Structure formats: structure tokens, C-alpha cells
Amino acid sequence: MSTTFFQRLRMERERLGKTQEEFAQIAGVTRRPYIEWEKGSGPAPNAIQLAALAAAGVDVLYVVTGQRTVAVAPQAVLPEGDRILLDNFHAAPPQVQAGIKTTLGAFASAGAGATRRRRA
């Protein structure tokens, strides 16, 4: 069974545990136009209103298209070796992190110089 934009808007409001009045306030309208949105009897919310609802946790992609947004953790897009390296770095004490940054900075400077020399 497919749902409409207006039904999905209501479903998102209910998912977030908000009242129509609270959602109306978030979107910057009074309760009456918001109720009309859920009934499908008035004009749909505009981009500014949808952005305000998104900032409050509404999955606007779902409301508009019916497809849920899939959150991707930043670690999920890194190769496994890079992720392990970053996890270990973040688990290290601050003094160790500072030392690693200094060391990598030195290598980066040396690498940049070597690259310039090769091009010359």
C-alpha cells in the first residue's frame, strides 16, 4: 500500500512524538495550515518549511518520495585499513596523538619537498 506525501508527513510527526501544534510551530505556520497539510486539502509545505522540519528530525526524503534516508556513518566510507588507523589514533592518549600529528607533519613536509624536487 503506497502512502501520500500528507500521510507520510503525519507518520513522521507521530514517529517523533510531536503534536500537530508543535510541528506547525517548527514549520513556522499556525496549527490550521498544518492540519490542512496532513489532510492534503491545502498547499504543501514549501522548501523553507521542509528544511525547518528536517532540522527537527523529520526524514524529508521519506516525506517527499516515500523512501527512507539511509544514514551512512563516516567510517563506513573509509577503507578498512584507514578506519583501523583512525580508530587507533582516537583511542590513543592526547600526548601520543600530538606526537603522531607532529611526525606526520614532518613526513608530509618532506614528501612535498621531494615532489617538488622530482618535478624540477
PDB file of N, CA and C in Angstrom:
ATOM      1  N   MET A   1       0.834  -1.180   0.000  1.00  0.00           N
ATOM      2  CA  MET A   1       0.000   0.000   0.000  1.00  0.00           C
ATOM      3  C   MET A   1       0.882   1.247   0.000  1.00  0.00           C
ATOM      4  N   SER A   2       0.698   2.095  -0.992  1.00  0.00           N
ATOM      5  CA  SER A   2       1.509   3.302  -1.036  1.00  0.00           C
ATOM      6  C   SER A   2       0.837   4.409  -0.215  1.00  0.00           C
ATOM      7  N   THR A   3       1.664   5.288   0.280  1.00  0.00           N
ATOM      8  CA  THR A   3       1.164   6.395   1.090  1.00  0.00           C
ATOM      9  C   THR A   3       1.386   7.695   0.351  1.00  0.00           C
ATOM     10  N   THR A   4       0.650   8.710   0.754  1.00  0.00           N
ATOM     11  CA  THR A   4       0.786  10.021   0.121  1.00  0.00           C
ATOM     12  C   THR A   4       1.762  10.881   0.915  1.00  0.00           C
ATOM     13  N   PHE A   5       2.188  11.947   0.300  1.00  0.00           N
ATOM     14  CA  PHE A   5       3.038  12.944   0.959  1.00  0.00           C
ATOM     15  C   PHE A   5       2.436  13.335   2.301  1.00  0.00           C
ATOM     16  N   PHE A   6       1.158  13.616   2.311  1.00  0.00           N
ATOM     17  CA  PHE A   6       0.487  14.113   3.509  1.00  0.00           C
ATOM     18  C   PHE A   6       0.421  13.048   4.606  1.00  0.00           C
ATOM     19  N   GLN A   7       0.210  11.805   4.207  1.00  0.00           N
ATOM     20  CA  GLN A   7       0.206  10.709   5.181  1.00  0.00           C
ATOM     21  C   GLN A   7       1.595  10.501   5.773  1.00  0.00           C
ATOM     22  N   ARG A   8       2.607  10.595   4.924  1.00  0.00           N
ATOM     23  CA  ARG A   8       3.981  10.412   5.412  1.00  0.00           C
ATOM     24  C   ARG A   8       4.391  11.549   6.341  1.00  0.00           C
ATOM     25  N   LEU A   9       3.908  12.751   6.083  1.00  0.00           N
ATOM     26  CA  LEU A   9       4.183  13.873   6.981  1.00  0.00           C
ATOM     27  C   LEU A   9       3.613  13.578   8.366  1.00  0.00           C
ATOM     28  N   ARG A  10       2.376  13.095   8.404  1.00  0.00           N
ATOM     29  CA  ARG A  10       1.756  12.738   9.679  1.00  0.00           C
ATOM     30  C   ARG A  10       2.526  11.607  10.364  1.00  0.00           C
ATOM     31  N   MET A  11       2.948  10.619   9.582  1.00  0.00           N
ATOM     32  CA  MET A  11       3.691   9.488  10.142  1.00  0.00           C
ATOM     33  C   MET A  11       5.010   9.950  10.766  1.00  0.00           C
ATOM     34  N   GLU A  12       5.676  10.892  10.127  1.00  0.00           N
ATOM     35  CA  GLU A  12       6.916  11.424  10.684  1.00  0.00           C
ATOM     36  C   GLU A  12       6.653  12.196  11.974  1.00  0.00           C
ATOM     37  N   ARG A  13       5.590  12.956  11.995  1.00  0.00           N
ATOM     38  CA  ARG A  13       5.233  13.685  13.215  1.00  0.00           C
ATOM     39  C   ARG A  13       4.990  12.711  14.350  1.00  0.00           C
ATOM     40  N   GLU A  14       4.248  11.658  14.071  1.00  0.00           N
ATOM     41  CA  GLU A  14       3.955  10.656  15.096  1.00  0.00           C
ATOM     42  C   GLU A  14       5.214   9.900  15.510  1.00  0.00           C
ATOM     43  N   ARG A  15       6.084   9.613  14.547  1.00  0.00           N
ATOM     44  CA  ARG A  15       7.340   8.921  14.862  1.00  0.00           C
ATOM     45  C   ARG A  15       8.181   9.734  15.845  1.00  0.00           C
ATOM     46  N   LEU A  16       8.150  11.056  15.676  1.00  0.00           N
ATOM     47  CA  LEU A  16       8.927  11.938  16.540  1.00  0.00           C
ATOM     48  C   LEU A  16       8.192  12.303  17.829  1.00  0.00           C
ATOM     49  N   GLY A  17       6.951  11.830  17.955  1.00  0.00           N
ATOM     50  CA  GLY A  17       6.191  12.077  19.180  1.00  0.00           C
ATOM     51  C   GLY A  17       5.773  13.523  19.365  1.00  0.00           C
ATOM     52  N   LYS A  18       5.510  14.206  18.274  1.00  0.00           N
ATOM     53  CA  LYS A  18       5.124  15.624  18.329  1.00  0.00           C
ATOM     54  C   LYS A  18       3.639  15.790  18.038  1.00  0.00           C
ATOM     55  N   THR A  19       3.088  16.878  18.537  1.00  0.00           N
ATOM     56  CA  THR A  19       1.696  17.212  18.236  1.00  0.00           C
ATOM     57  C   THR A  19       1.643  18.021  16.938  1.00  0.00           C
ATOM     58  N   GLN A  20       0.448  18.162  16.398  1.00  0.00           N
ATOM     59  CA  GLN A  20       0.283  18.998  15.204  1.00  0.00           C
ATOM     60  C   GLN A  20       0.698  20.432  15.511  1.00  0.00           C
ATOM     61  N   GLU A  21       0.359  20.903  16.682  1.00  0.00           N
ATOM     62  CA  GLU A  21       0.707  22.263  17.074  1.00  0.00           C
ATOM     63  C   GLU A  21       2.233  22.438  17.145  1.00  0.00           C
ATOM     64  N   GLU A  22       2.928  21.452  17.695  1.00  0.00           N
ATOM     65  CA  GLU A  22       4.393  21.539  17.775  1.00  0.00           C
ATOM     66  C   GLU A  22       5.020  21.541  16.384  1.00  0.00           C
ATOM     67  N   PHE A  23       4.512  20.688  15.501  1.00  0.00           N
ATOM     68  CA  PHE A  23       5.056  20.646  14.145  1.00  0.00           C
ATOM     69  C   PHE A  23       4.757  21.940  13.404  1.00  0.00           C
ATOM     70  N   ALA A  24       3.574  22.478  13.608  1.00  0.00           N
ATOM     71  CA  ALA A  24       3.213  23.744  12.971  1.00  0.00           C
ATOM     72  C   ALA A  24       4.189  24.834  13.409  1.00  0.00           C
ATOM     73  N   GLN A  25       4.476  24.869  14.701  1.00  0.00           N
ATOM     74  CA  GLN A  25       5.393  25.876  15.229  1.00  0.00           C
ATOM     75  C   GLN A  25       6.789  25.702  14.624  1.00  0.00           C
ATOM     76  N   ILE A  26       7.248  24.476  14.529  1.00  0.00           N
ATOM     77  CA  ILE A  26       8.561  24.206  13.936  1.00  0.00           C
ATOM     78  C   ILE A  26       8.605  24.702  12.493  1.00  0.00           C
ATOM     79  N   ALA A  27       7.531  24.464  11.755  1.00  0.00           N
ATOM     80  CA  ALA A  27       7.467  24.848  10.343  1.00  0.00           C
ATOM     81  C   ALA A  27       7.178  26.329  10.149  1.00  0.00           C
ATOM     82  N   GLY A  28       6.825  27.014  11.237  1.00  0.00           N
ATOM     83  CA  GLY A  28       6.566  28.450  11.137  1.00  0.00           C
ATOM     84  C   GLY A  28       5.187  28.795  10.624  1.00  0.00           C
ATOM     85  N   VAL A  29       4.226  27.905  10.880  1.00  0.00           N
ATOM     86  CA  VAL A  29       2.839  28.178  10.496  1.00  0.00           C
ATOM     87  C   VAL A  29       1.943  27.968  11.713  1.00  0.00           C
ATOM     88  N   THR A  30       0.698  28.367  11.577  1.00  0.00           N
ATOM     89  CA  THR A  30      -0.251  28.099  12.653  1.00  0.00           C
ATOM     90  C   THR A  30      -0.760  26.667  12.511  1.00  0.00           C
ATOM     91  N   ARG A  31      -1.510  26.239  13.494  1.00  0.00           N
ATOM     92  CA  ARG A  31      -1.983  24.850  13.507  1.00  0.00           C
ATOM     93  C   ARG A  31      -2.903  24.550  12.323  1.00  0.00           C
ATOM     94  N   ARG A  32      -3.735  25.513  11.942  1.00  0.00           N
ATOM     95  CA  ARG A  32      -4.710  25.263  10.868  1.00  0.00           C
ATOM     96  C   ARG A  32      -4.063  24.866   9.533  1.00  0.00           C
ATOM     97  N   PRO A  33      -3.088  25.642   9.023  1.00  0.00           N
ATOM     98  CA  PRO A  33      -2.466  25.197   7.766  1.00  0.00           C
ATOM     99  C   PRO A  33      -1.772  23.847   7.911  1.00  0.00           C
ATOM    100  N   TYR A  34      -1.203  23.602   9.111  1.00  0.00           N
ATOM    101  CA  TYR A  34      -0.536  22.316   9.295  1.00  0.00           C
ATOM    102  C   TYR A  34      -1.554  21.178   9.195  1.00  0.00           C
ATOM    103  N   ILE A  35      -2.701  21.339   9.823  1.00  0.00           N
ATOM    104  CA  ILE A  35      -3.755  20.313   9.747  1.00  0.00           C
ATOM    105  C   ILE A  35      -4.159  20.087   8.295  1.00  0.00           C
ATOM    106  N   GLU A  36      -4.241  21.167   7.534  1.00  0.00           N
ATOM    107  CA  GLU A  36      -4.580  21.043   6.111  1.00  0.00           C
ATOM    108  C   GLU A  36      -3.501  20.256   5.365  1.00  0.00           C
ATOM    109  N   TRP A  37      -2.232  20.438   5.758  1.00  0.00           N
ATOM    110  CA  TRP A  37      -1.161  19.658   5.133  1.00  0.00           C
ATOM    111  C   TRP A  37      -1.407  18.178   5.351  1.00  0.00           C
ATOM    112  N   GLU A  38      -1.712  17.800   6.584  1.00  0.00           N
ATOM    113  CA  GLU A  38      -1.917  16.374   6.877  1.00  0.00           C
ATOM    114  C   GLU A  38      -3.164  15.825   6.195  1.00  0.00           C
ATOM    115  N   LYS A  39      -4.162  16.658   5.989  1.00  0.00           N
ATOM    116  CA  LYS A  39      -5.376  16.209   5.291  1.00  0.00           C
ATOM    117  C   LYS A  39      -5.177  16.185   3.787  1.00  0.00           C
ATOM    118  N   GLY A  40      -4.180  16.921   3.301  1.00  0.00           N
ATOM    119  CA  GLY A  40      -3.984  17.017   1.861  1.00  0.00           C
ATOM    120  C   GLY A  40      -4.934  17.990   1.219  1.00  0.00           C
ATOM    121  N   SER A  41      -5.498  18.892   2.015  1.00  0.00           N
ATOM    122  CA  SER A  41      -6.509  19.809   1.475  1.00  0.00           C
ATOM    123  C   SER A  41      -5.973  21.216   1.233  1.00  0.00           C
ATOM    124  N   GLY A  42      -4.733  21.464   1.575  1.00  0.00           N
ATOM    125  CA  GLY A  42      -4.154  22.790   1.357  1.00  0.00           C
ATOM    126  C   GLY A  42      -2.879  22.663   0.564  1.00  0.00           C
ATOM    127  N   PRO A  43      -2.228  23.795   0.313  1.00  0.00           N
ATOM    128  CA  PRO A  43      -0.947  23.716  -0.389  1.00  0.00           C
ATOM    129  C   PRO A  43       0.087  22.999   0.474  1.00  0.00           C
ATOM    130  N   ALA A  44       0.964  22.294  -0.170  1.00  0.00           N
ATOM    131  CA  ALA A  44       2.021  21.563   0.542  1.00  0.00           C
ATOM    132  C   ALA A  44       3.024  22.546   1.133  1.00  0.00           C
ATOM    133  N   PRO A  45       3.761  22.123   2.140  1.00  0.00           N
ATOM    134  CA  PRO A  45       4.785  22.998   2.708  1.00  0.00           C
ATOM    135  C   PRO A  45       5.848  23.340   1.667  1.00  0.00           C
ATOM    136  N   ASN A  46       6.426  24.522   1.812  1.00  0.00           N
ATOM    137  CA  ASN A  46       7.471  24.934   0.875  1.00  0.00           C
ATOM    138  C   ASN A  46       8.841  24.443   1.355  1.00  0.00           C
ATOM    139  N   ALA A  47       9.860  24.741   0.586  1.00  0.00           N
ATOM    140  CA  ALA A  47      11.202  24.250   0.887  1.00  0.00           C
ATOM    141  C   ALA A  47      11.714  24.770   2.231  1.00  0.00           C
ATOM    142  N   ILE A  48      11.428  26.003   2.557  1.00  0.00           N
ATOM    143  CA  ILE A  48      11.886  26.577   3.831  1.00  0.00           C
ATOM    144  C   ILE A  48      11.213  25.849   4.994  1.00  0.00           C
ATOM    145  N   GLN A  49       9.935  25.576   4.857  1.00  0.00           N
ATOM    146  CA  GLN A  49       9.207  24.866   5.910  1.00  0.00           C
ATOM    147  C   GLN A  49       9.709  23.428   6.044  1.00  0.00           C
ATOM    148  N   LEU A  50       9.973  22.772   4.922  1.00  0.00           N
ATOM    149  CA  LEU A  50      10.503  21.409   4.968  1.00  0.00           C
ATOM    150  C   LEU A  50      11.904  21.391   5.581  1.00  0.00           C
ATOM    151  N   ALA A  51      12.705  22.408   5.291  1.00  0.00           N
ATOM    152  CA  ALA A  51      14.046  22.483   5.882  1.00  0.00           C
ATOM    153  C   ALA A  51      13.951  22.631   7.399  1.00  0.00           C
ATOM    154  N   ALA A  52      12.996  23.417   7.870  1.00  0.00           N
ATOM    155  CA  ALA A  52      12.810  23.579   9.319  1.00  0.00           C
ATOM    156  C   ALA A  52      12.386  22.250   9.943  1.00  0.00           C
ATOM    157  N   LEU A  53      11.518  21.518   9.276  1.00  0.00           N
ATOM    158  CA  LEU A  53      11.096  20.216   9.785  1.00  0.00           C
ATOM    159  C   LEU A  53      12.261  19.225   9.765  1.00  0.00           C
ATOM    160  N   ALA A  54      13.094  19.296   8.727  1.00  0.00           N
ATOM    161  CA  ALA A  54      14.270  18.416   8.653  1.00  0.00           C
ATOM    162  C   ALA A  54      15.206  18.688   9.820  1.00  0.00           C
ATOM    163  N   ALA A  55      15.386  19.952  10.167  1.00  0.00           N
ATOM    164  CA  ALA A  55      16.260  20.307  11.292  1.00  0.00           C
ATOM    165  C   ALA A  55      15.721  19.758  12.610  1.00  0.00           C
ATOM    166  N   ALA A  56      14.419  19.495  12.655  1.00  0.00           N
ATOM    167  CA  ALA A  56      13.794  18.937  13.863  1.00  0.00           C
ATOM    168  C   ALA A  56      13.780  17.406  13.848  1.00  0.00           C
ATOM    169  N   GLY A  57      14.365  16.804  12.805  1.00  0.00           N
ATOM    170  CA  GLY A  57      14.475  15.351  12.768  1.00  0.00           C
ATOM    171  C   GLY A  57      13.590  14.648  11.764  1.00  0.00           C
ATOM    172  N   VAL A  58      12.810  15.397  11.003  1.00  0.00           N
ATOM    173  CA  VAL A  58      11.936  14.781  10.002  1.00  0.00           C
ATOM    174  C   VAL A  58      12.789  14.253   8.844  1.00  0.00           C
ATOM    175  N   ASP A  59      12.505  13.046   8.403  1.00  0.00           N
ATOM    176  CA  ASP A  59      13.151  12.478   7.229  1.00  0.00           C
ATOM    177  C   ASP A  59      12.410  13.023   6.010  1.00  0.00           C
ATOM    178  N   VAL A  60      12.864  14.169   5.526  1.00  0.00           N
ATOM    179  CA  VAL A  60      12.168  14.858   4.439  1.00  0.00           C
ATOM    180  C   VAL A  60      12.206  14.045   3.149  1.00  0.00           C
ATOM    181  N   LEU A  61      13.283  13.323   2.906  1.00  0.00           N
ATOM    182  CA  LEU A  61      13.326  12.464   1.718  1.00  0.00           C
ATOM    183  C   LEU A  61      12.169  11.476   1.754  1.00  0.00           C
ATOM    184  N   TYR A  62      11.917  10.903   2.926  1.00  0.00           N
ATOM    185  CA  TYR A  62      10.806   9.967   3.069  1.00  0.00           C
ATOM    186  C   TYR A  62       9.467  10.668   2.839  1.00  0.00           C
ATOM    187  N   VAL A  63       9.286  11.838   3.420  1.00  0.00           N
ATOM    188  CA  VAL A  63       8.016  12.564   3.262  1.00  0.00           C
ATOM    189  C   VAL A  63       7.766  12.851   1.788  1.00  0.00           C
ATOM    190  N   VAL A  64       8.798  13.281   1.071  1.00  0.00           N
ATOM    191  CA  VAL A  64       8.625  13.686  -0.329  1.00  0.00           C
ATOM    192  C   VAL A  64       8.539  12.489  -1.274  1.00  0.00           C
ATOM    193  N   THR A  65       9.413  11.477  -1.064  1.00  0.00           N
ATOM    194  CA  THR A  65       9.496  10.381  -2.045  1.00  0.00           C
ATOM    195  C   THR A  65       8.947   9.046  -1.569  1.00  0.00           C
ATOM    196  N   GLY A  66       8.833   8.880  -0.247  1.00  0.00           N
ATOM    197  CA  GLY A  66       8.410   7.587   0.283  1.00  0.00           C
ATOM    198  C   GLY A  66       9.575   6.654   0.551  1.00  0.00           C
ATOM    199  N   GLN A  67      10.813   7.108   0.283  1.00  0.00           N
ATOM    200  CA  GLN A  67      11.994   6.289   0.537  1.00  0.00           C
ATOM    201  C   GLN A  67      12.761   6.873   1.710  1.00  0.00           C
ATOM    202  N   ARG A  68      13.086   6.018   2.671  1.00  0.00           N
ATOM    203  CA  ARG A  68      13.805   6.454   3.863  1.00  0.00           C
ATOM    204  C   ARG A  68      15.236   6.841   3.532  1.00  0.00           C
ATOM    205  N   THR A  69      15.727   7.851   4.207  1.00  0.00           N
ATOM    206  CA  THR A  69      17.127   8.228   4.117  1.00  0.00           C
ATOM    207  C   THR A  69      17.929   7.185   4.860  1.00  0.00           C
ATOM    208  N   VAL A  70      19.006   6.742   4.260  1.00  0.00           N
ATOM    209  CA  VAL A  70      19.879   5.782   4.911  1.00  0.00           C
ATOM    210  C   VAL A  70      21.090   6.556   5.417  1.00  0.00           C
ATOM    211  N   ALA A  71      21.217   6.628   6.728  1.00  0.00           N
ATOM    212  CA  ALA A  71      22.356   7.324   7.310  1.00  0.00           C
ATOM    213  C   ALA A  71      23.599   6.469   7.145  1.00  0.00           C
ATOM    214  N   VAL A  72      24.665   7.084   6.674  1.00  0.00           N
ATOM    215  CA  VAL A  72      25.927   6.381   6.487  1.00  0.00           C
ATOM    216  C   VAL A  72      26.938   6.978   7.447  1.00  0.00           C
ATOM    217  N   ALA A  73      27.458   6.137   8.308  1.00  0.00           N
ATOM    218  CA  ALA A  73      28.489   6.599   9.237  1.00  0.00           C
ATOM    219  C   ALA A  73      29.735   6.940   8.446  1.00  0.00           C
ATOM    220  N   PRO A  74      30.443   8.029   8.823  1.00  0.00           N
ATOM    221  CA  PRO A  74      31.650   8.397   8.073  1.00  0.00           C
ATOM    222  C   PRO A  74      32.645   7.247   7.969  1.00  0.00           C
ATOM    223  N   GLN A  75      32.724   6.395   8.991  1.00  0.00           N
ATOM    224  CA  GLN A  75      33.666   5.283   8.965  1.00  0.00           C
ATOM    225  C   GLN A  75      33.325   4.274   7.878  1.00  0.00           C
ATOM    226  N   ALA A  76      32.062   4.224   7.498  1.00  0.00           N
ATOM    227  CA  ALA A  76      31.629   3.227   6.524  1.00  0.00           C
ATOM    228  C   ALA A  76      32.188   3.498   5.137  1.00  0.00           C
ATOM    229  N   VAL A  77      32.592   4.722   4.835  1.00  0.00           N
ATOM    230  CA  VAL A  77      33.095   5.042   3.504  1.00  0.00           C
ATOM    231  C   VAL A  77      34.621   4.973   3.433  1.00  0.00           C
ATOM    232  N   LEU A  78      35.267   4.722   4.565  1.00  0.00           N
ATOM    233  CA  LEU A  78      36.724   4.605   4.589  1.00  0.00           C
ATOM    234  C   LEU A  78      37.147   3.161   4.337  1.00  0.00           C
ATOM    235  N   PRO A  79      38.275   2.978   3.656  1.00  0.00           N
ATOM    236  CA  PRO A  79      38.821   1.620   3.553  1.00  0.00           C
ATOM    237  C   PRO A  79      39.124   1.094   4.961  1.00  0.00           C
ATOM    238  N   GLU A  80      39.074  -0.216   5.134  1.00  0.00           N
ATOM    239  CA  GLU A  80      39.236  -0.812   6.464  1.00  0.00           C
ATOM    240  C   GLU A  80      40.547  -0.406   7.123  1.00  0.00           C
ATOM    241  N   GLY A  81      41.637  -0.388   6.382  1.00  0.00           N
ATOM    242  CA  GLY A  81      42.928  -0.012   6.956  1.00  0.00           C
ATOM    243  C   GLY A  81      42.921   1.412   7.494  1.00  0.00           C
ATOM    244  N   ASP A  82      42.308   2.330   6.748  1.00  0.00           N
ATOM    245  CA  ASP A  82      42.212   3.722   7.204  1.00  0.00           C
ATOM    246  C   ASP A  82      41.339   3.824   8.443  1.00  0.00           C
ATOM    247  N   ARG A  83      40.258   3.074   8.461  1.00  0.00           N
ATOM    248  CA  ARG A  83      39.344   3.101   9.611  1.00  0.00           C
ATOM    249  C   ARG A  83      40.050   2.596  10.868  1.00  0.00           C
ATOM    250  N   ILE A  84      40.814   1.511  10.728  1.00  0.00           N
ATOM    251  CA  ILE A  84      41.547   0.957  11.868  1.00  0.00           C
ATOM    252  C   ILE A  84      42.572   1.978  12.369  1.00  0.00           C
ATOM    253  N   LEU A  85      43.277   2.601  11.432  1.00  0.00           N
ATOM    254  CA  LEU A  85      44.267   3.617  11.794  1.00  0.00           C
ATOM    255  C   LEU A  85      43.614   4.758  12.570  1.00  0.00           C
ATOM    256  N   LEU A  86      42.488   5.254  12.083  1.00  0.00           N
ATOM    257  CA  LEU A  86      41.787   6.341  12.777  1.00  0.00           C
ATOM    258  C   LEU A  86      41.244   5.901  14.125  1.00  0.00           C
ATOM    259  N   ASP A  87      40.703   4.699  14.190  1.00  0.00           N
ATOM    260  CA  ASP A  87      40.200   4.201  15.479  1.00  0.00           C
ATOM    261  C   ASP A  87      41.325   4.124  16.507  1.00  0.00           C
ATOM    262  N   ASN A  88      42.487   3.618  16.077  1.00  0.00           N
ATOM    263  CA  ASN A  88      43.631   3.528  16.986  1.00  0.00           C
ATOM    264  C   ASN A  88      44.118   4.917  17.391  1.00  0.00           C
ATOM    265  N   PHE A  89      44.131   5.838  16.443  1.00  0.00           N
ATOM    266  CA  PHE A  89      44.550   7.207  16.756  1.00  0.00           C
ATOM    267  C   PHE A  89      43.635   7.814  17.818  1.00  0.00           C
ATOM    268  N   HIS A  90      42.329   7.674  17.632  1.00  0.00           N
ATOM    269  CA  HIS A  90      41.372   8.251  18.576  1.00  0.00           C
ATOM    270  C   HIS A  90      41.419   7.565  19.947  1.00  0.00           C
ATOM    271  N   ALA A  91      41.864   6.325  19.978  1.00  0.00           N
ATOM    272  CA  ALA A  91      41.963   5.606  21.249  1.00  0.00           C
ATOM    273  C   ALA A  91      43.250   5.957  22.007  1.00  0.00           C
ATOM    274  N   ALA A  92      44.200   6.583  21.320  1.00  0.00           N
ATOM    275  CA  ALA A  92      45.487   6.919  21.946  1.00  0.00           C
ATOM    276  C   ALA A  92      45.336   8.125  22.871  1.00  0.00           C
ATOM    277  N   PRO A  93      46.198   8.216  23.884  1.00  0.00           N
ATOM    278  CA  PRO A  93      46.175   9.387  24.771  1.00  0.00           C
ATOM    279  C   PRO A  93      46.529  10.667  23.996  1.00  0.00           C
ATOM    280  N   PRO A  94      46.117  11.819  24.498  1.00  0.00           N
ATOM    281  CA  PRO A  94      46.369  13.096  23.791  1.00  0.00           C
ATOM    282  C   PRO A  94      47.844  13.341  23.465  1.00  0.00           C
ATOM    283  N   GLN A  95      48.755  12.948  24.369  1.00  0.00           N
ATOM    284  CA  GLN A  95      50.177  13.171  24.109  1.00  0.00           C
ATOM    285  C   GLN A  95      50.640  12.348  22.901  1.00  0.00           C
ATOM    286  N   VAL A  96      50.150  11.140  22.794  1.00  0.00           N
ATOM    287  CA  VAL A  96      50.507  10.282  21.666  1.00  0.00           C
ATOM    288  C   VAL A  96      49.921  10.855  20.380  1.00  0.00           C
ATOM    289  N   GLN A  97      48.676  11.315  20.434  1.00  0.00           N
ATOM    290  CA  GLN A  97      48.060  11.927  19.253  1.00  0.00           C
ATOM    291  C   GLN A  97      48.880  13.124  18.784  1.00  0.00           C
ATOM    292  N   ALA A  98      49.336  13.957  19.733  1.00  0.00           N
ATOM    293  CA  ALA A  98      50.144  15.129  19.379  1.00  0.00           C
ATOM    294  C   ALA A  98      51.434  14.697  18.698  1.00  0.00           C
ATOM    295  N   GLY A  99      52.073  13.652  19.221  1.00  0.00           N
ATOM    296  CA  GLY A  99      53.310  13.148  18.620  1.00  0.00           C
ATOM    297  C   GLY A  99      53.087  12.620  17.216  1.00  0.00           C
ATOM    298  N   ILE A 100      51.995  11.921  17.024  1.00  0.00           N
ATOM    299  CA  ILE A 100      51.675  11.381  15.697  1.00  0.00           C
ATOM    300  C   ILE A 100      51.448  12.523  14.709  1.00  0.00           C
ATOM    301  N   LYS A 101      50.720  13.551  15.142  1.00  0.00           N
ATOM    302  CA  LYS A 101      50.474  14.708  14.259  1.00  0.00           C
ATOM    303  C   LYS A 101      51.777  15.385  13.869  1.00  0.00           C
ATOM    304  N   THR A 102      52.678  15.543  14.841  1.00  0.00           N
ATOM    305  CA  THR A 102      53.972  16.171  14.560  1.00  0.00           C
ATOM    306  C   THR A 102      54.766  15.333  13.569  1.00  0.00           C
ATOM    307  N   THR A 103      54.801  14.034  13.800  1.00  0.00           N
ATOM    308  CA  THR A 103      55.550  13.134  12.924  1.00  0.00           C
ATOM    309  C   THR A 103      54.979  13.142  11.513  1.00  0.00           C
ATOM    310  N   LEU A 104      53.669  13.041  11.408  1.00  0.00           N
ATOM    311  CA  LEU A 104      53.046  13.048  10.077  1.00  0.00           C
ATOM    312  C   LEU A 104      53.259  14.379   9.378  1.00  0.00           C
ATOM    313  N   GLY A 105      53.238  15.468  10.160  1.00  0.00           N
ATOM    314  CA  GLY A 105      53.509  16.783   9.576  1.00  0.00           C
ATOM    315  C   GLY A 105      54.904  16.849   8.982  1.00  0.00           C
ATOM    316  N   ALA A 106      55.876  16.259   9.671  1.00  0.00           N
ATOM    317  CA  ALA A 106      57.251  16.241   9.166  1.00  0.00           C
ATOM    318  C   ALA A 106      57.348  15.419   7.884  1.00  0.00           C
ATOM    319  N   PHE A 107      56.693  14.274   7.876  1.00  0.00           N
ATOM    320  CA  PHE A 107      56.720  13.441   6.669  1.00  0.00           C
ATOM    321  C   PHE A 107      56.015  14.135   5.505  1.00  0.00           C
ATOM    322  N   ALA A 108      54.919  14.800   5.794  1.00  0.00           N
ATOM    323  CA  ALA A 108      54.181  15.498   4.737  1.00  0.00           C
ATOM    324  C   ALA A 108      55.040  16.604   4.136  1.00  0.00           C
ATOM    325  N   SER A 109      55.755  17.343   5.001  1.00  0.00           N
ATOM    326  CA  SER A 109      56.643  18.415   4.518  1.00  0.00           C
ATOM    327  C   SER A 109      57.763  17.839   3.667  1.00  0.00           C
ATOM    328  N   ALA A 110      58.339  16.743   4.129  1.00  0.00           N
ATOM    329  CA  ALA A 110      59.429  16.101   3.382  1.00  0.00           C
ATOM    330  C   ALA A 110      58.918  15.571   2.053  1.00  0.00           C
ATOM    331  N   GLY A 111      57.719  14.996   2.065  1.00  0.00           N
ATOM    332  CA  GLY A 111      57.138  14.466   0.830  1.00  0.00           C
ATOM    333  C   GLY A 111      56.850  15.560  -0.172  1.00  0.00           C
ATOM    334  N   ALA A 112      56.385  16.699   0.307  1.00  0.00           N
ATOM    335  CA  ALA A 112      56.087  17.829  -0.585  1.00  0.00           C
ATOM    336  C   ALA A 112      57.363  18.339  -1.220  1.00  0.00           C
ATOM    337  N   GLY A 113      58.431  18.402  -0.401  1.00  0.00           N
ATOM    338  CA  GLY A 113      59.720  18.856  -0.927  1.00  0.00           C
ATOM    339  C   GLY A 113      60.269  17.899  -1.957  1.00  0.00           C
ATOM    340  N   ALA A 114      60.131  16.602  -1.679  1.00  0.00           N
ATOM    341  CA  ALA A 114      60.624  15.589  -2.612  1.00  0.00           C
ATOM    342  C   ALA A 114      59.855  15.649  -3.911  1.00  0.00           C
ATOM    343  N   THR A 115      58.577  15.908  -3.835  1.00  0.00           N
ATOM    344  CA  THR A 115      57.766  16.002  -5.045  1.00  0.00           C
ATOM    345  C   THR A 115      58.208  17.193  -5.871  1.00  0.00           C
ATOM    346  N   ARG A 116      58.476  18.310  -5.198  1.00  0.00           N
ATOM    347  CA  ARG A 116      58.931  19.498  -5.931  1.00  0.00           C
ATOM    348  C   ARG A 116      60.271  19.230  -6.600  1.00  0.00           C
ATOM    349  N   ARG A 117      61.161  18.527  -5.911  1.00  0.00           N
ATOM    350  CA  ARG A 117      62.482  18.258  -6.477  1.00  0.00           C
ATOM    351  C   ARG A 117      62.382  17.362  -7.719  1.00  0.00           C
ATOM    352  N   ARG A 118      61.469  16.381  -7.667  1.00  0.00           N
ATOM    353  CA  ARG A 118      61.324  15.472  -8.802  1.00  0.00           C
ATOM    354  C   ARG A 118      60.827  16.208 -10.030  1.00  0.00           C
ATOM    355  N   ARG A 119      59.971  17.179  -9.828  1.00  0.00           N
ATOM    356  CA  ARG A 119      59.394  17.909 -10.974  1.00  0.00           C
ATOM    357  C   ARG A 119      60.422  18.839 -11.602  1.00  0.00           C
ATOM    358  N   ALA A 120      61.353  19.285 -10.822  1.00  0.00           N
ATOM    359  CA  ALA A 120      62.305  20.286 -11.321  1.00  0.00           C
ATOM    360  C   ALA A 120      63.254  19.750 -12.359  1.00  0.00           C
TER     361      ALA A 120
END
